């Protein structure tokens, strides 16, 4: 148990301080290169450096490598760390390509299938799907297909909710801490500790991404977080619990896809919201604009960007609590 405690503390500290320390120099470098995008919700339209994905990846990789040496050497744990590192890195590459050049709507979902393959090749999964309260469903062949689609889903789900200052990083902070707690409850200590670097990297980045943002994660940052989260859900055998913690983001993606009725790059469709004269955000009256979680939140009355973010964080906390309760009542030991 001492090895687990030391590993958790060291890896969490590495993830937090690597991201926290590297963001300021990255901001300077991105500003110098003029890798900036307009913050459309900010009064005056400030130009914000993007992407922050490189520092998020650096924090996760550095901390997970430390766990490779600090955690007790079990075959599955070793496979899990290697699979998580490769999957997260491929997710970053896919997102970084899209940061530099806007690709078609199918690029990220298809490319992220490659990020799922290392989990299969390394055997870092259990070929059964666990439903809390009902037990395991043995679907070895179908489960391989689930792995191939889960990483694209989680990667694009987090990317799609990255619409305003602080939302993606703040949401992932809440979701990953909730997932880590659920894994500890289920006594899956190794995978719970592997989740902590993702949580602390998200928390450190949130410090700079929170309103008013000093940097944006970009597709590379959001997809890195989403791919890592999906990999942990598969490796930890907690797919359903992980989905519950991610529920608001999943609902957002479902609303978007069901209203647009095709897979399309979100930057290539009409905005679901508009600004009022006092610079609050309200739902657009355009009939063919996509339906999103933010559009539903501001449907009743206009809100500020900060108020919208706080509402989404409350939904994330509620979903996180549901995920933890699910772990408590399930009675499973993974």
C-alpha atoms as a PDB file:
ATOM      1  CA  UNK A   1       0.000   0.000   0.000  1.00  0.00           C
ATOM      2  CA  UNK A   2       2.903   2.358   0.663  1.00  0.00           C
ATOM      3  CA  UNK A   3       4.005   2.017  -2.973  1.00  0.00           C
ATOM      4  CA  UNK A   4       0.531   3.076  -4.113  1.00  0.00           C
ATOM      5  CA  UNK A   5       0.490   6.115  -1.820  1.00  0.00           C
ATOM      6  CA  UNK A   6       3.962   7.258  -2.906  1.00  0.00           C
ATOM      7  CA  UNK A   7       3.082   6.713  -6.561  1.00  0.00           C
ATOM      8  CA  UNK A   8      -0.165   8.649  -6.261  1.00  0.00           C
ATOM      9  CA  UNK A   9       1.463  11.631  -4.543  1.00  0.00           C
ATOM     10  CA  UNK A  10       4.503  11.790  -6.842  1.00  0.00           C
ATOM     11  CA  UNK A  11       2.575  11.329 -10.096  1.00  0.00           C
ATOM     12  CA  UNK A  12      -0.086  13.871  -9.105  1.00  0.00           C
ATOM     13  CA  UNK A  13       2.573  16.445  -8.214  1.00  0.00           C
ATOM     14  CA  UNK A  14       4.467  15.847 -11.467  1.00  0.00           C
ATOM     15  CA  UNK A  15       1.321  16.189 -13.590  1.00  0.00           C
ATOM     16  CA  UNK A  16       0.228  19.381 -11.854  1.00  0.00           C
ATOM     17  CA  UNK A  17       3.553  21.197 -11.734  1.00  0.00           C
ATOM     18  CA  UNK A  18       4.711  20.195 -15.234  1.00  0.00           C
ATOM     19  CA  UNK A  19       1.534  21.661 -16.746  1.00  0.00           C
ATOM     20  CA  UNK A  20       1.417  24.628 -14.365  1.00  0.00           C
ATOM     21  CA  UNK A  21       5.072  25.467 -15.017  1.00  0.00           C
ATOM     22  CA  UNK A  22       5.095  24.975 -18.788  1.00  0.00           C
ATOM     23  CA  UNK A  23       1.980  26.964 -19.693  1.00  0.00           C
ATOM     24  CA  UNK A  24       3.548  30.462 -19.264  1.00  0.00           C
ATOM     25  CA  UNK A  25       6.516  29.756 -21.605  1.00  0.00           C
ATOM     26  CA  UNK A  26       4.147  28.065 -24.068  1.00  0.00           C
ATOM     27  CA  UNK A  27       1.948  31.179 -24.060  1.00  0.00           C
ATOM     28  CA  UNK A  28       5.009  33.292 -24.915  1.00  0.00           C
ATOM     29  CA  UNK A  29       6.069  30.925 -27.693  1.00  0.00           C
ATOM     30  CA  UNK A  30       2.587  30.716 -29.235  1.00  0.00           C
ATOM     31  CA  UNK A  31       2.227  34.497 -29.059  1.00  0.00           C
ATOM     32  CA  UNK A  32       5.586  34.968 -30.774  1.00  0.00           C
ATOM     33  CA  UNK A  33       4.597  32.540 -33.532  1.00  0.00           C
ATOM     34  CA  UNK A  34       1.222  34.290 -33.784  1.00  0.00           C
ATOM     35  CA  UNK A  35      -0.612  31.031 -33.158  1.00  0.00           C
ATOM     36  CA  UNK A  36      -3.610  32.914 -31.822  1.00  0.00           C
ATOM     37  CA  UNK A  37      -7.375  32.691 -32.223  1.00  0.00           C
ATOM     38  CA  UNK A  38     -10.091  35.195 -31.453  1.00  0.00           C
ATOM     39  CA  UNK A  39     -12.097  34.746 -28.274  1.00  0.00           C
ATOM     40  CA  UNK A  40     -15.484  35.458 -29.841  1.00  0.00           C
ATOM     41  CA  UNK A  41     -17.254  35.704 -26.485  1.00  0.00           C
ATOM     42  CA  UNK A  42     -14.836  38.235 -24.985  1.00  0.00           C
ATOM     43  CA  UNK A  43     -15.728  41.922 -25.145  1.00  0.00           C
ATOM     44  CA  UNK A  44     -13.367  43.368 -27.734  1.00  0.00           C
ATOM     45  CA  UNK A  45     -12.539  39.924 -29.127  1.00  0.00           C
ATOM     46  CA  UNK A  46      -9.153  39.329 -27.480  1.00  0.00           C
ATOM     47  CA  UNK A  47      -6.647  37.121 -29.298  1.00  0.00           C
ATOM     48  CA  UNK A  48      -5.781  34.016 -27.243  1.00  0.00           C
ATOM     49  CA  UNK A  49      -2.800  31.662 -27.773  1.00  0.00           C
ATOM     50  CA  UNK A  50      -3.660  28.139 -28.941  1.00  0.00           C
ATOM     51  CA  UNK A  51      -3.057  25.190 -28.627  1.00  0.00           C
ATOM     52  CA  UNK A  52      -2.221  24.200 -25.065  1.00  0.00           C
ATOM     53  CA  UNK A  53      -2.213  20.529 -25.964  1.00  0.00           C
ATOM     54  CA  UNK A  54       1.594  20.097 -25.825  1.00  0.00           C
ATOM     55  CA  UNK A  55       1.817  20.937 -22.117  1.00  0.00           C
ATOM     56  CA  UNK A  56      -1.189  18.759 -21.246  1.00  0.00           C
ATOM     57  CA  UNK A  57       0.456  15.840 -23.041  1.00  0.00           C
ATOM     58  CA  UNK A  58       3.804  16.568 -21.366  1.00  0.00           C
ATOM     59  CA  UNK A  59       2.235  16.528 -17.908  1.00  0.00           C
ATOM     60  CA  UNK A  60       0.394  13.269 -18.513  1.00  0.00           C
ATOM     61  CA  UNK A  61       3.392  11.499 -20.074  1.00  0.00           C
ATOM     62  CA  UNK A  62       5.854  12.591 -17.384  1.00  0.00           C
ATOM     63  CA  UNK A  63       3.568  11.473 -14.546  1.00  0.00           C
ATOM     64  CA  UNK A  64       2.545   8.165 -16.139  1.00  0.00           C
ATOM     65  CA  UNK A  65       6.194   7.289 -16.813  1.00  0.00           C
ATOM     66  CA  UNK A  66       6.938   7.931 -13.142  1.00  0.00           C
ATOM     67  CA  UNK A  67       4.174   5.468 -12.240  1.00  0.00           C
ATOM     68  CA  UNK A  68       5.760   2.866 -14.497  1.00  0.00           C
ATOM     69  CA  UNK A  69       8.685   2.814 -12.061  1.00  0.00           C
ATOM     70  CA  UNK A  70       6.835   3.560  -8.805  1.00  0.00           C
ATOM     71  CA  UNK A  71       3.874   1.171  -8.878  1.00  0.00           C
ATOM     72  CA  UNK A  72       4.283  -2.531  -8.079  1.00  0.00           C
ATOM     73  CA  UNK A  73       5.303  -4.330 -11.259  1.00  0.00           C
ATOM     74  CA  UNK A  74       2.282  -6.333 -12.368  1.00  0.00           C
ATOM     75  CA  UNK A  75       1.944  -7.440 -15.978  1.00  0.00           C
ATOM     76  CA  UNK A  76      -1.449  -5.812 -16.497  1.00  0.00           C
ATOM     77  CA  UNK A  77      -0.400  -2.528 -14.853  1.00  0.00           C
ATOM     78  CA  UNK A  78       2.649  -2.334 -17.127  1.00  0.00           C
ATOM     79  CA  UNK A  79       0.502  -2.992 -20.201  1.00  0.00           C
ATOM     80  CA  UNK A  80      -2.037  -0.438 -18.983  1.00  0.00           C
ATOM     81  CA  UNK A  81       0.534   2.341 -18.610  1.00  0.00           C
ATOM     82  CA  UNK A  82       2.093   1.679 -22.022  1.00  0.00           C
ATOM     83  CA  UNK A  83      -1.319   1.514 -23.714  1.00  0.00           C
ATOM     84  CA  UNK A  84      -2.438   4.715 -21.995  1.00  0.00           C
ATOM     85  CA  UNK A  85       0.730   6.548 -23.077  1.00  0.00           C
ATOM     86  CA  UNK A  86       0.452   5.477 -26.714  1.00  0.00           C
ATOM     87  CA  UNK A  87      -3.295   6.093 -26.985  1.00  0.00           C
ATOM     88  CA  UNK A  88      -2.984   9.547 -25.406  1.00  0.00           C
ATOM     89  CA  UNK A  89      -0.068  10.475 -27.678  1.00  0.00           C
ATOM     90  CA  UNK A  90      -1.925   9.423 -30.833  1.00  0.00           C
ATOM     91  CA  UNK A  91      -4.930  11.435 -29.658  1.00  0.00           C
ATOM     92  CA  UNK A  92      -2.678  14.463 -29.285  1.00  0.00           C
ATOM     93  CA  UNK A  93      -1.259  14.025 -32.804  1.00  0.00           C
ATOM     94  CA  UNK A  94      -4.749  13.799 -34.306  1.00  0.00           C
ATOM     95  CA  UNK A  95      -5.832  16.941 -32.466  1.00  0.00           C
ATOM     96  CA  UNK A  96      -2.656  18.858 -33.325  1.00  0.00           C
ATOM     97  CA  UNK A  97      -3.146  18.154 -37.026  1.00  0.00           C
ATOM     98  CA  UNK A  98      -6.641  19.620 -36.762  1.00  0.00           C
ATOM     99  CA  UNK A  99      -5.289  22.607 -34.822  1.00  0.00           C
ATOM    100  CA  UNK A 100      -2.968  23.508 -37.676  1.00  0.00           C
ATOM    101  CA  UNK A 101      -5.378  22.736 -40.515  1.00  0.00           C
ATOM    102  CA  UNK A 102      -9.146  22.415 -40.267  1.00  0.00           C
ATOM    103  CA  UNK A 103      -9.901  18.905 -41.500  1.00  0.00           C
ATOM    104  CA  UNK A 104     -13.177  17.387 -42.624  1.00  0.00           C
ATOM    105  CA  UNK A 105     -15.748  16.168 -40.137  1.00  0.00           C
ATOM    106  CA  UNK A 106     -14.771  12.514 -40.560  1.00  0.00           C
ATOM    107  CA  UNK A 107     -11.033  13.048 -39.944  1.00  0.00           C
ATOM    108  CA  UNK A 108     -10.988  12.988 -36.138  1.00  0.00           C
ATOM    109  CA  UNK A 109     -13.427  10.082 -35.582  1.00  0.00           C
ATOM    110  CA  UNK A 110     -11.666   7.898 -38.162  1.00  0.00           C
ATOM    111  CA  UNK A 111      -8.128   8.874 -37.130  1.00  0.00           C
ATOM    112  CA  UNK A 112      -8.878   8.255 -33.458  1.00  0.00           C
ATOM    113  CA  UNK A 113      -9.631   4.603 -34.221  1.00  0.00           C
ATOM    114  CA  UNK A 114      -5.841   4.255 -34.526  1.00  0.00           C
ATOM    115  CA  UNK A 115      -5.526   5.559 -30.951  1.00  0.00           C
ATOM    116  CA  UNK A 116      -7.616   2.629 -29.707  1.00  0.00           C
ATOM    117  CA  UNK A 117      -5.585  -0.080 -31.421  1.00  0.00           C
ATOM    118  CA  UNK A 118      -2.678  -0.127 -28.881  1.00  0.00           C
ATOM    119  CA  UNK A 119      -5.133  -1.088 -26.115  1.00  0.00           C
ATOM    120  CA  UNK A 120      -6.178  -4.127 -28.151  1.00  0.00           C
ATOM    121  CA  UNK A 121      -2.680  -5.105 -29.274  1.00  0.00           C
ATOM    122  CA  UNK A 122      -1.308  -4.907 -25.730  1.00  0.00           C
ATOM    123  CA  UNK A 123      -4.285  -6.748 -24.263  1.00  0.00           C
ATOM    124  CA  UNK A 124      -4.875  -3.972 -21.727  1.00  0.00           C
ATOM    125  CA  UNK A 125      -8.589  -4.707 -21.315  1.00  0.00           C
ATOM    126  CA  UNK A 126     -11.100  -7.222 -20.030  1.00  0.00           C
ATOM    127  CA  UNK A 127     -13.334  -8.560 -22.846  1.00  0.00           C
ATOM    128  CA  UNK A 128     -16.578  -8.166 -20.886  1.00  0.00           C
ATOM    129  CA  UNK A 129     -18.809  -5.167 -20.328  1.00  0.00           C
ATOM    130  CA  UNK A 130     -19.803  -4.485 -16.713  1.00  0.00           C
ATOM    131  CA  UNK A 131     -23.279  -3.105 -16.005  1.00  0.00           C
ATOM    132  CA  UNK A 132     -23.601  -2.000 -12.357  1.00  0.00           C
ATOM    133  CA  UNK A 133     -26.272  -3.961 -10.461  1.00  0.00           C
ATOM    134  CA  UNK A 134     -26.768  -6.375 -13.376  1.00  0.00           C
ATOM    135  CA  UNK A 135     -23.285  -7.873 -13.744  1.00  0.00           C
ATOM    136  CA  UNK A 136     -20.992  -8.696 -16.634  1.00  0.00           C
ATOM    137  CA  UNK A 137     -22.043  -9.217 -20.226  1.00  0.00           C
ATOM    138  CA  UNK A 138     -19.600 -11.535 -21.972  1.00  0.00           C
ATOM    139  CA  UNK A 139     -19.138 -10.141 -25.492  1.00  0.00           C
ATOM    140  CA  UNK A 140     -15.455 -10.779 -26.381  1.00  0.00           C
ATOM    141  CA  UNK A 141     -15.772 -10.114 -30.130  1.00  0.00           C
ATOM    142  CA  UNK A 142     -18.188  -7.210 -29.842  1.00  0.00           C
ATOM    143  CA  UNK A 143     -16.075  -5.652 -27.101  1.00  0.00           C
ATOM    144  CA  UNK A 144     -13.207  -5.160 -29.556  1.00  0.00           C
ATOM    145  CA  UNK A 145     -15.559  -3.038 -31.648  1.00  0.00           C
ATOM    146  CA  UNK A 146     -16.552  -1.107 -28.538  1.00  0.00           C
ATOM    147  CA  UNK A 147     -12.899  -0.274 -27.863  1.00  0.00           C
ATOM    148  CA  UNK A 148     -12.452   0.980 -31.428  1.00  0.00           C
ATOM    149  CA  UNK A 149     -15.408   3.361 -31.172  1.00  0.00           C
ATOM    150  CA  UNK A 150     -15.014   4.429 -27.530  1.00  0.00           C
ATOM    151  CA  UNK A 151     -11.788   6.424 -27.974  1.00  0.00           C
ATOM    152  CA  UNK A 152     -13.223   8.412 -30.931  1.00  0.00           C
ATOM    153  CA  UNK A 153     -16.377   9.036 -28.868  1.00  0.00           C
ATOM    154  CA  UNK A 154     -14.629  10.287 -25.724  1.00  0.00           C
ATOM    155  CA  UNK A 155     -12.049  12.274 -27.699  1.00  0.00           C
ATOM    156  CA  UNK A 156     -14.645  14.072 -29.807  1.00  0.00           C
ATOM    157  CA  UNK A 157     -17.065  14.436 -26.890  1.00  0.00           C
ATOM    158  CA  UNK A 158     -14.579  16.491 -24.867  1.00  0.00           C
ATOM    159  CA  UNK A 159     -13.580  18.408 -27.983  1.00  0.00           C
ATOM    160  CA  UNK A 160     -17.209  19.299 -28.694  1.00  0.00           C
ATOM    161  CA  UNK A 161     -17.787  20.733 -25.212  1.00  0.00           C
ATOM    162  CA  UNK A 162     -14.693  22.960 -25.470  1.00  0.00           C
ATOM    163  CA  UNK A 163     -16.743  25.981 -26.494  1.00  0.00           C
ATOM    164  CA  UNK A 164     -15.976  28.599 -23.830  1.00  0.00           C
ATOM    165  CA  UNK A 165     -13.321  29.657 -21.361  1.00  0.00           C
ATOM    166  CA  UNK A 166     -12.443  26.914 -18.898  1.00  0.00           C
ATOM    167  CA  UNK A 167     -15.223  24.468 -19.761  1.00  0.00           C
ATOM    168  CA  UNK A 168     -13.200  21.563 -21.210  1.00  0.00           C
ATOM    169  CA  UNK A 169     -10.451  21.625 -18.573  1.00  0.00           C
ATOM    170  CA  UNK A 170     -12.850  22.322 -15.689  1.00  0.00           C
ATOM    171  CA  UNK A 171     -15.273  19.629 -16.810  1.00  0.00           C
ATOM    172  CA  UNK A 172     -12.457  17.082 -17.168  1.00  0.00           C
ATOM    173  CA  UNK A 173     -11.115  17.977 -13.721  1.00  0.00           C
ATOM    174  CA  UNK A 174     -14.482  17.107 -12.183  1.00  0.00           C
ATOM    175  CA  UNK A 175     -15.075  13.994 -14.314  1.00  0.00           C
ATOM    176  CA  UNK A 176     -11.616  12.472 -13.794  1.00  0.00           C
ATOM    177  CA  UNK A 177     -11.557  13.061 -10.034  1.00  0.00           C
ATOM    178  CA  UNK A 178     -15.007  11.432  -9.886  1.00  0.00           C
ATOM    179  CA  UNK A 179     -13.764   8.476 -11.916  1.00  0.00           C
ATOM    180  CA  UNK A 180     -10.674   8.130  -9.714  1.00  0.00           C
ATOM    181  CA  UNK A 181     -12.852   8.077  -6.577  1.00  0.00           C
ATOM    182  CA  UNK A 182     -15.088   5.435  -8.176  1.00  0.00           C
ATOM    183  CA  UNK A 183     -12.050   3.284  -8.992  1.00  0.00           C
ATOM    184  CA  UNK A 184     -10.763   3.595  -5.420  1.00  0.00           C
ATOM    185  CA  UNK A 185     -14.193   2.525  -4.155  1.00  0.00           C
ATOM    186  CA  UNK A 186     -14.023  -0.505  -6.444  1.00  0.00           C
ATOM    187  CA  UNK A 187     -10.545  -1.210  -5.031  1.00  0.00           C
ATOM    188  CA  UNK A 188      -8.929  -0.954  -8.455  1.00  0.00           C
ATOM    189  CA  UNK A 189      -6.056   0.983  -6.919  1.00  0.00           C
ATOM    190  CA  UNK A 190      -3.560   0.822  -9.779  1.00  0.00           C
ATOM    191  CA  UNK A 191      -5.938   2.237 -12.391  1.00  0.00           C
ATOM    192  CA  UNK A 192      -7.315   4.785  -9.920  1.00  0.00           C
ATOM    193  CA  UNK A 193      -3.775   6.111  -9.482  1.00  0.00           C
ATOM    194  CA  UNK A 194      -3.287   6.140 -13.274  1.00  0.00           C
ATOM    195  CA  UNK A 195      -6.325   8.432 -13.419  1.00  0.00           C
ATOM    196  CA  UNK A 196      -4.863  11.031 -11.043  1.00  0.00           C
ATOM    197  CA  UNK A 197      -2.321  12.493 -13.520  1.00  0.00           C
ATOM    198  CA  UNK A 198      -5.154  13.252 -15.929  1.00  0.00           C
ATOM    199  CA  UNK A 199      -7.132  14.921 -13.143  1.00  0.00           C
ATOM    200  CA  UNK A 200      -4.231  17.049 -11.901  1.00  0.00           C
ATOM    201  CA  UNK A 201      -3.087  17.977 -15.424  1.00  0.00           C
ATOM    202  CA  UNK A 202      -6.644  19.188 -16.133  1.00  0.00           C
ATOM    203  CA  UNK A 203      -6.715  21.120 -12.849  1.00  0.00           C
ATOM    204  CA  UNK A 204      -3.383  22.851 -13.548  1.00  0.00           C
ATOM    205  CA  UNK A 205      -4.446  23.813 -17.072  1.00  0.00           C
ATOM    206  CA  UNK A 206      -7.779  25.095 -15.764  1.00  0.00           C
ATOM    207  CA  UNK A 207      -5.847  27.723 -13.812  1.00  0.00           C
ATOM    208  CA  UNK A 208      -4.907  29.369 -17.136  1.00  0.00           C
ATOM    209  CA  UNK A 209      -7.946  28.303 -19.166  1.00  0.00           C
ATOM    210  CA  UNK A 210     -10.571  29.515 -16.692  1.00  0.00           C
ATOM    211  CA  UNK A 211     -12.431  32.751 -17.483  1.00  0.00           C
ATOM    212  CA  UNK A 212     -10.845  35.015 -18.626  1.00  0.00           C
ATOM    213  CA  UNK A 213      -8.675  32.486 -20.461  1.00  0.00           C
ATOM    214  CA  UNK A 214      -4.989  33.116 -21.088  1.00  0.00           C
ATOM    215  CA  UNK A 215      -4.676  30.060 -23.368  1.00  0.00           C
ATOM    216  CA  UNK A 216      -6.969  27.644 -25.174  1.00  0.00           C
ATOM    217  CA  UNK A 217      -6.355  23.864 -25.199  1.00  0.00           C
ATOM    218  CA  UNK A 218      -7.231  23.565 -28.861  1.00  0.00           C
ATOM    219  CA  UNK A 219      -8.249  20.281 -30.455  1.00  0.00           C
ATOM    220  CA  UNK A 220      -4.922  18.773 -29.393  1.00  0.00           C
ATOM    221  CA  UNK A 221      -5.581  19.529 -25.725  1.00  0.00           C
ATOM    222  CA  UNK A 222      -9.249  18.533 -25.664  1.00  0.00           C
ATOM    223  CA  UNK A 223      -8.743  15.318 -27.636  1.00  0.00           C
ATOM    224  CA  UNK A 224      -5.705  14.392 -25.522  1.00  0.00           C
ATOM    225  CA  UNK A 225      -7.868  14.634 -22.403  1.00  0.00           C
ATOM    226  CA  UNK A 226     -10.747  12.750 -24.013  1.00  0.00           C
ATOM    227  CA  UNK A 227      -8.578   9.960 -25.435  1.00  0.00           C
ATOM    228  CA  UNK A 228      -6.816   9.460 -22.093  1.00  0.00           C
ATOM    229  CA  UNK A 229     -10.171   9.361 -20.290  1.00  0.00           C
ATOM    230  CA  UNK A 230     -11.551   6.761 -22.696  1.00  0.00           C
ATOM    231  CA  UNK A 231      -8.428   4.630 -22.360  1.00  0.00           C
ATOM    232  CA  UNK A 232      -8.693   4.668 -18.553  1.00  0.00           C
ATOM    233  CA  UNK A 233     -12.376   3.690 -18.749  1.00  0.00           C
ATOM    234  CA  UNK A 234     -11.506   0.652 -20.884  1.00  0.00           C
ATOM    235  CA  UNK A 235      -8.369  -0.351 -18.996  1.00  0.00           C
ATOM    236  CA  UNK A 236     -10.111   0.094 -15.640  1.00  0.00           C
ATOM    237  CA  UNK A 237     -13.167  -1.902 -16.765  1.00  0.00           C
ATOM    238  CA  UNK A 238     -15.467   0.973 -15.738  1.00  0.00           C
ATOM    239  CA  UNK A 239     -16.959   1.987 -19.066  1.00  0.00           C
ATOM    240  CA  UNK A 240     -20.496   2.549 -17.750  1.00  0.00           C
ATOM    241  CA  UNK A 241     -19.379   4.477 -14.660  1.00  0.00           C
ATOM    242  CA  UNK A 242     -17.060   6.609 -16.814  1.00  0.00           C
ATOM    243  CA  UNK A 243     -19.946   7.374 -19.181  1.00  0.00           C
ATOM    244  CA  UNK A 244     -22.135   8.486 -16.260  1.00  0.00           C
ATOM    245  CA  UNK A 245     -19.441  10.924 -15.076  1.00  0.00           C
ATOM    246  CA  UNK A 246     -19.216  12.252 -18.642  1.00  0.00           C
ATOM    247  CA  UNK A 247     -22.988  12.494 -19.138  1.00  0.00           C
ATOM    248  CA  UNK A 248     -23.368  16.274 -19.776  1.00  0.00           C
ATOM    249  CA  UNK A 249     -20.681  16.158 -22.484  1.00  0.00           C
ATOM    250  CA  UNK A 250     -22.254  13.048 -24.016  1.00  0.00           C
ATOM    251  CA  UNK A 251     -25.658  14.760 -24.074  1.00  0.00           C
ATOM    252  CA  UNK A 252     -24.047  17.777 -25.757  1.00  0.00           C
ATOM    253  CA  UNK A 253     -22.574  15.578 -28.505  1.00  0.00           C
ATOM    254  CA  UNK A 254     -25.854  13.704 -28.957  1.00  0.00           C
ATOM    255  CA  UNK A 255     -27.818  16.942 -29.281  1.00  0.00           C
ATOM    256  CA  UNK A 256     -25.342  18.299 -31.819  1.00  0.00           C
ATOM    257  CA  UNK A 257     -25.293  15.164 -33.981  1.00  0.00           C
ATOM    258  CA  UNK A 258     -29.056  14.609 -33.835  1.00  0.00           C
ATOM    259  CA  UNK A 259     -29.742  18.199 -34.932  1.00  0.00           C
ATOM    260  CA  UNK A 260     -27.055  18.382 -37.623  1.00  0.00           C
ATOM    261  CA  UNK A 261     -27.776  14.781 -38.732  1.00  0.00           C
ATOM    262  CA  UNK A 262     -24.251  14.200 -40.026  1.00  0.00           C
ATOM    263  CA  UNK A 263     -20.683  14.136 -38.791  1.00  0.00           C
ATOM    264  CA  UNK A 264     -19.284  17.585 -39.482  1.00  0.00           C
ATOM    265  CA  UNK A 265     -16.519  19.804 -38.150  1.00  0.00           C
ATOM    266  CA  UNK A 266     -18.197  22.070 -35.554  1.00  0.00           C
ATOM    267  CA  UNK A 267     -16.361  25.120 -36.904  1.00  0.00           C
ATOM    268  CA  UNK A 268     -18.121  24.622 -40.255  1.00  0.00           C
ATOM    269  CA  UNK A 269     -21.702  25.026 -38.993  1.00  0.00           C
ATOM    270  CA  UNK A 270     -23.728  28.006 -37.822  1.00  0.00           C
ATOM    271  CA  UNK A 271     -23.223  29.050 -34.228  1.00  0.00           C
ATOM    272  CA  UNK A 272     -25.958  27.863 -31.841  1.00  0.00           C
ATOM    273  CA  UNK A 273     -25.786  31.095 -29.813  1.00  0.00           C
ATOM    274  CA  UNK A 274     -25.581  34.840 -30.395  1.00  0.00           C
ATOM    275  CA  UNK A 275     -24.727  37.877 -28.271  1.00  0.00           C
ATOM    276  CA  UNK A 276     -27.191  40.367 -26.848  1.00  0.00           C
ATOM    277  CA  UNK A 277     -26.548  44.109 -26.796  1.00  0.00           C
ATOM    278  CA  UNK A 278     -25.132  43.845 -23.269  1.00  0.00           C
ATOM    279  CA  UNK A 279     -22.816  41.014 -24.467  1.00  0.00           C
ATOM    280  CA  UNK A 280     -24.636  38.176 -22.786  1.00  0.00           C
ATOM    281  CA  UNK A 281     -25.122  34.906 -24.648  1.00  0.00           C
ATOM    282  CA  UNK A 282     -28.525  33.717 -25.818  1.00  0.00           C
ATOM    283  CA  UNK A 283     -29.911  31.018 -28.113  1.00  0.00           C
ATOM    284  CA  UNK A 284     -29.984  31.821 -31.807  1.00  0.00           C
ATOM    285  CA  UNK A 285     -33.295  31.969 -33.633  1.00  0.00           C
ATOM    286  CA  UNK A 286     -31.771  30.325 -36.709  1.00  0.00           C
ATOM    287  CA  UNK A 287     -33.837  27.185 -37.356  1.00  0.00           C
ATOM    288  CA  UNK A 288     -30.993  25.209 -38.931  1.00  0.00           C
ATOM    289  CA  UNK A 289     -28.412  26.034 -36.243  1.00  0.00           C
ATOM    290  CA  UNK A 290     -27.309  22.993 -34.199  1.00  0.00           C
ATOM    291  CA  UNK A 291     -28.789  22.240 -30.791  1.00  0.00           C
ATOM    292  CA  UNK A 292     -26.160  22.062 -28.050  1.00  0.00           C
ATOM    293  CA  UNK A 293     -26.044  21.954 -24.270  1.00  0.00           C
ATOM    294  CA  UNK A 294     -25.095  25.636 -24.143  1.00  0.00           C
ATOM    295  CA  UNK A 295     -28.006  26.557 -26.404  1.00  0.00           C
ATOM    296  CA  UNK A 296     -30.414  24.761 -24.056  1.00  0.00           C
ATOM    297  CA  UNK A 297     -28.902  26.446 -20.997  1.00  0.00           C
ATOM    298  CA  UNK A 298     -29.438  29.940 -22.443  1.00  0.00           C
ATOM    299  CA  UNK A 299     -32.821  29.164 -24.023  1.00  0.00           C
ATOM    300  CA  UNK A 300     -34.743  30.559 -21.034  1.00  0.00           C
ATOM    301  CA  UNK A 301     -32.698  33.736 -20.592  1.00  0.00           C
ATOM    302  CA  UNK A 302     -29.373  35.229 -21.693  1.00  0.00           C
ATOM    303  CA  UNK A 303     -26.379  34.460 -19.461  1.00  0.00           C
ATOM    304  CA  UNK A 304     -22.773  35.563 -19.229  1.00  0.00           C
ATOM    305  CA  UNK A 305     -20.016  33.200 -20.288  1.00  0.00           C
ATOM    306  CA  UNK A 306     -19.013  32.702 -16.667  1.00  0.00           C
ATOM    307  CA  UNK A 307     -22.592  31.838 -15.651  1.00  0.00           C
ATOM    308  CA  UNK A 308     -22.809  29.265 -18.455  1.00  0.00           C
ATOM    309  CA  UNK A 309     -19.533  27.705 -17.344  1.00  0.00           C
ATOM    310  CA  UNK A 310     -20.717  27.483 -13.736  1.00  0.00           C
ATOM    311  CA  UNK A 311     -23.953  25.808 -14.855  1.00  0.00           C
ATOM    312  CA  UNK A 312     -22.033  23.170 -16.818  1.00  0.00           C
ATOM    313  CA  UNK A 313     -19.723  22.584 -13.840  1.00  0.00           C
ATOM    314  CA  UNK A 314     -22.758  22.010 -11.603  1.00  0.00           C
ATOM    315  CA  UNK A 315     -24.050  19.447 -14.096  1.00  0.00           C
ATOM    316  CA  UNK A 316     -20.602  17.816 -14.129  1.00  0.00           C
ATOM    317  CA  UNK A 317     -20.547  17.636 -10.314  1.00  0.00           C
ATOM    318  CA  UNK A 318     -24.022  16.079 -10.306  1.00  0.00           C
ATOM    319  CA  UNK A 319     -22.948  13.476 -12.886  1.00  0.00           C
ATOM    320  CA  UNK A 320     -19.745  12.818 -10.956  1.00  0.00           C
ATOM    321  CA  UNK A 321     -21.755  12.166  -7.788  1.00  0.00           C
ATOM    322  CA  UNK A 322     -24.006   9.774  -9.724  1.00  0.00           C
ATOM    323  CA  UNK A 323     -20.912   7.913 -10.962  1.00  0.00           C
ATOM    324  CA  UNK A 324     -19.567   7.624  -7.413  1.00  0.00           C
ATOM    325  CA  UNK A 325     -22.952   6.421  -6.103  1.00  0.00           C
ATOM    326  CA  UNK A 326     -23.058   3.856  -8.911  1.00  0.00           C
ATOM    327  CA  UNK A 327     -19.677   2.542  -7.790  1.00  0.00           C
ATOM    328  CA  UNK A 328     -20.845   2.420  -4.165  1.00  0.00           C
ATOM    329  CA  UNK A 329     -24.052   0.483  -4.834  1.00  0.00           C
ATOM    330  CA  UNK A 330     -22.693  -1.818  -7.531  1.00  0.00           C
ATOM    331  CA  UNK A 331     -20.707  -3.959  -5.103  1.00  0.00           C
ATOM    332  CA  UNK A 332     -18.266  -5.005  -7.825  1.00  0.00           C
ATOM    333  CA  UNK A 333     -14.586  -5.591  -7.380  1.00  0.00           C
ATOM    334  CA  UNK A 334     -12.869  -5.153 -10.705  1.00  0.00           C
END
